[in-house]
Amino acid sequence: MIIALTGTPGTGKTSASKVLEENNFEVVDLNKIAIEKGFSIGTDRNRNSKIIDIERLNNYIKESYSKKDIVFIEGHLSHLLESVDKTIVLRCHPSELRKRLSHKGWKKEKVNENVEAEMLDIILCETVNIHPEKNIFEIDTTGESAKDVARLVMEITKNGFRHMKKYNIGSIDWSEEILKDFK
């Protein structure tokens, strides 16, 4: 089973993935695979990031990991892969996300773009356009440690991906945060 662990940059994907690996789960760094296997088709100079051929990347992930019992595909593009069976979207309150990204030394424009994407549920909306709602879960990482986030991911996994109300999509809503910029 292929599980996408996705979310806006800064929501805790990489940190939680390290804890999942410590708990003997296989985790694949999607960004690393995309670069190492040559799935980059250019550079977005405005965002200083690689443009990835999602279709080729999807085919590679499907061929390489579809027979695994459980493998987490970690990366903010993983929800775009049609080959994933389940998707866990990590979310973070915009004010905390702003702090996390600023602490990483990101430029203000890039921080603002990602905070806005989180407010508008961009990753969740993209996920819902590709995958059935029954296969999507949401976790609020605000104020949570990497161990806590990984524990929540493992709870979903150990529960056989049966839905629990606290992980239902749509229960996290930061949209009113946008209005604060206009006051």
Protein backbone atom coordinates (compact mmCIF):
# COMPACT_ATOMS: atom_id res chain seq x y z
CA MET A 1 0.00 0.00 0.00
CA ILE A 2 1.37 3.37 -1.02
CA ILE A 3 0.59 6.21 1.40
CA ALA A 4 1.22 9.83 0.45
CA LEU A 5 2.39 11.98 3.36
CA THR A 6 1.85 15.48 2.04
CA GLY A 7 1.22 19.04 3.09
CA THR A 8 2.37 22.58 2.56
CA PRO A 9 6.12 22.96 3.15
CA GLY A 10 6.75 23.39 6.88
CA THR A 11 3.84 21.29 8.15
CA GLY A 12 6.15 18.57 9.48
CA LYS A 13 6.35 15.90 6.77
CA THR A 14 10.10 15.35 6.92
CA SER A 15 10.31 15.46 10.72
CA ALA A 16 7.44 13.00 11.14
CA SER A 17 8.94 10.77 8.44
CA LYS A 18 12.19 10.45 10.40
CA VAL A 19 10.19 9.21 13.40
CA LEU A 20 8.24 6.79 11.17
CA GLU A 21 11.56 5.38 9.94
CA GLU A 22 12.72 4.99 13.54
CA ASN A 23 9.57 2.91 14.04
CA ASN A 24 10.53 0.62 11.14
CA PHE A 25 8.25 2.09 8.49
CA GLU A 26 9.63 2.48 4.99
CA VAL A 27 9.64 6.12 3.91
CA VAL A 28 10.56 7.38 0.44
CA ASP A 29 11.69 10.99 -0.01
CA LEU A 30 9.79 11.94 -3.17
CA ASN A 31 11.87 15.05 -3.86
CA LYS A 32 15.10 13.06 -3.65
CA ILE A 33 13.74 10.35 -5.98
CA ALA A 34 12.52 12.97 -8.47
CA ILE A 35 15.97 14.55 -8.69
CA GLU A 36 18.05 11.33 -8.56
CA LYS A 37 15.96 9.57 -11.22
CA GLY A 38 15.88 12.56 -13.56
CA PHE A 39 12.20 13.47 -13.32
CA SER A 40 13.04 17.18 -13.21
CA ILE A 41 12.05 18.88 -16.45
CA GLY A 42 13.17 22.40 -15.63
CA THR A 43 13.43 25.09 -13.00
CA ASP A 44 10.85 27.59 -11.84
CA ARG A 45 13.13 30.58 -11.42
CA ASN A 46 10.50 32.64 -9.56
CA ARG A 47 10.16 29.97 -6.89
CA ASN A 48 13.73 28.67 -7.12
CA SER A 49 12.43 25.11 -7.38
CA LYS A 50 12.49 22.19 -9.78
CA ILE A 51 9.59 21.44 -12.12
CA ILE A 52 8.79 17.73 -11.86
CA ASP A 53 7.29 15.41 -14.49
CA ILE A 54 4.53 14.03 -12.26
CA GLU A 55 3.37 11.40 -14.77
CA ARG A 56 6.82 9.82 -15.08
CA LEU A 57 7.35 10.06 -11.32
CA ASN A 58 3.95 8.45 -10.72
CA ASN A 59 4.82 5.53 -13.02
CA TYR A 60 8.14 5.02 -11.26
CA ILE A 61 6.52 5.01 -7.79
CA LYS A 62 3.81 2.60 -8.96
CA GLU A 63 6.31 0.18 -10.51
CA SER A 64 8.72 0.36 -7.58
CA TYR A 65 6.42 0.35 -4.54
CA SER A 66 2.93 -0.96 -5.35
CA LYS A 67 3.68 -4.45 -4.04
CA LYS A 68 4.86 -3.18 -0.62
CA ASP A 69 2.71 -3.76 2.46
CA ILE A 70 3.10 -0.17 3.58
CA VAL A 71 5.36 2.54 2.20
CA PHE A 72 5.09 6.25 2.92
CA ILE A 73 5.86 8.61 0.04
CA GLU A 74 6.87 11.86 1.73
CA GLY A 75 6.80 15.15 -0.11
CA HIS A 76 4.58 18.12 -0.89
CA LEU A 77 3.89 16.65 -4.36
CA SER A 78 3.03 13.12 -3.22
CA HIS A 79 -0.72 13.77 -3.25
CA LEU A 80 -0.47 14.40 -7.01
CA LEU A 81 0.49 10.77 -7.63
CA GLU A 82 -2.47 8.76 -8.86
CA SER A 83 -0.71 5.56 -7.75
CA VAL A 84 -1.10 6.28 -4.03
CA ASP A 85 -3.73 4.30 -2.14
CA LYS A 86 -4.18 6.65 0.82
CA THR A 87 -3.22 10.27 1.44
CA ILE A 88 -2.45 11.92 4.77
CA VAL A 89 -2.41 15.71 4.53
CA LEU A 90 -0.49 17.50 7.28
CA ARG A 91 -1.84 20.96 8.15
CA CYS A 92 -0.50 23.77 10.31
CA HIS A 93 -2.02 27.02 11.54
CA PRO A 94 -0.75 29.83 9.29
CA SER A 95 0.84 31.83 12.12
CA GLU A 96 2.89 28.84 13.26
CA LEU A 97 3.68 27.89 9.66
CA ARG A 98 4.99 31.41 9.07
CA LYS A 99 7.32 31.01 12.08
CA ARG A 100 8.52 27.59 10.92
CA LEU A 101 9.30 28.73 7.38
CA SER A 102 10.92 31.98 8.52
CA HIS A 103 13.06 29.99 10.96
CA LYS A 104 14.28 27.96 7.95
CA GLY A 105 15.57 31.21 6.47
CA TRP A 106 13.12 31.31 3.58
CA LYS A 107 12.56 34.58 1.72
CA LYS A 108 9.49 36.55 2.76
CA GLU A 109 7.81 36.06 -0.65
CA LYS A 110 8.18 32.27 -0.47
CA VAL A 111 6.95 32.21 3.15
CA ASN A 112 3.91 34.31 2.21
CA GLU A 113 3.11 32.12 -0.80
CA ASN A 114 3.17 28.95 1.29
CA VAL A 115 1.20 30.46 4.18
CA GLU A 116 -1.43 31.62 1.70
CA ALA A 117 -1.56 28.13 0.14
CA GLU A 118 -2.17 26.69 3.62
CA MET A 119 -4.95 29.21 4.34
CA LEU A 120 -6.66 28.31 1.06
CA ASP A 121 -6.37 24.51 1.51
CA ILE A 122 -4.51 24.22 -1.81
CA ILE A 123 -2.99 20.80 -1.13
CA LEU A 124 -6.25 19.40 0.23
CA CYS A 125 -8.18 20.73 -2.78
CA GLU A 126 -5.67 19.18 -5.18
CA THR A 127 -5.88 15.90 -3.27
CA VAL A 128 -9.69 15.78 -3.38
CA ASN A 129 -9.57 16.37 -7.15
CA ILE A 130 -7.46 13.22 -7.60
CA HIS A 131 -8.38 10.81 -4.81
CA PRO A 132 -11.68 9.63 -3.26
CA GLU A 133 -12.49 11.35 0.04
CA LYS A 134 -12.58 7.98 1.83
CA ASN A 135 -8.83 7.66 1.13
CA ILE A 136 -7.83 11.08 2.50
CA PHE A 137 -6.98 12.00 6.09
CA GLU A 138 -6.02 15.35 7.66
CA ILE A 139 -3.81 15.96 10.70
CA ASP A 140 -3.35 19.32 12.41
CA THR A 141 0.36 19.54 13.32
CA THR A 142 0.07 22.93 15.05
CA GLY A 143 1.87 22.73 18.38
CA GLU A 144 2.69 19.03 17.89
CA SER A 145 6.14 17.48 18.05
CA ALA A 146 7.44 15.26 15.27
CA LYS A 147 6.90 12.26 17.56
CA ASP A 148 3.28 13.28 18.16
CA VAL A 149 2.61 13.75 14.45
CA ALA A 150 4.20 10.37 13.65
CA ARG A 151 2.11 8.79 16.42
CA LEU A 152 -1.05 10.18 14.81
CA VAL A 153 0.04 8.87 11.39
CA MET A 154 0.70 5.45 12.96
CA GLU A 155 -2.73 5.57 14.64
CA ILE A 156 -4.38 5.99 11.23
CA THR A 157 -2.23 3.19 9.80
CA LYS A 158 -2.82 0.77 12.68
CA ASN A 159 -6.56 1.49 12.48
CA GLY A 160 -6.51 0.09 8.95
CA PHE A 161 -7.27 3.52 7.44
CA ARG A 162 -10.81 3.39 8.76
CA HIS A 163 -12.10 6.90 9.18
CA MET A 164 -12.07 8.54 12.57
CA LYS A 165 -13.86 11.85 12.95
CA LYS A 166 -10.75 13.69 14.14
CA TYR A 167 -9.01 12.98 10.81
CA ASN A 168 -11.93 13.74 8.50
CA ILE A 169 -11.12 16.18 5.74
CA GLY A 170 -12.65 19.61 6.01
CA SER A 171 -12.42 19.78 9.79
CA ILE A 172 -9.36 22.05 9.58
CA ASP A 173 -10.15 25.48 8.20
CA TRP A 174 -7.77 28.42 8.21
CA SER A 175 -9.70 30.45 5.62
CA GLU A 176 -10.67 33.19 8.09
CA GLU A 177 -6.96 33.91 8.56
CA ILE A 178 -6.97 35.56 5.13
CA LEU A 179 -9.35 38.22 6.42
CA LYS A 180 -6.81 39.26 9.06
CA ASP A 181 -4.60 40.64 6.30
CA PHE A 182 -7.37 43.03 5.28
CA LYS A 183 -8.16 44.48 8.73
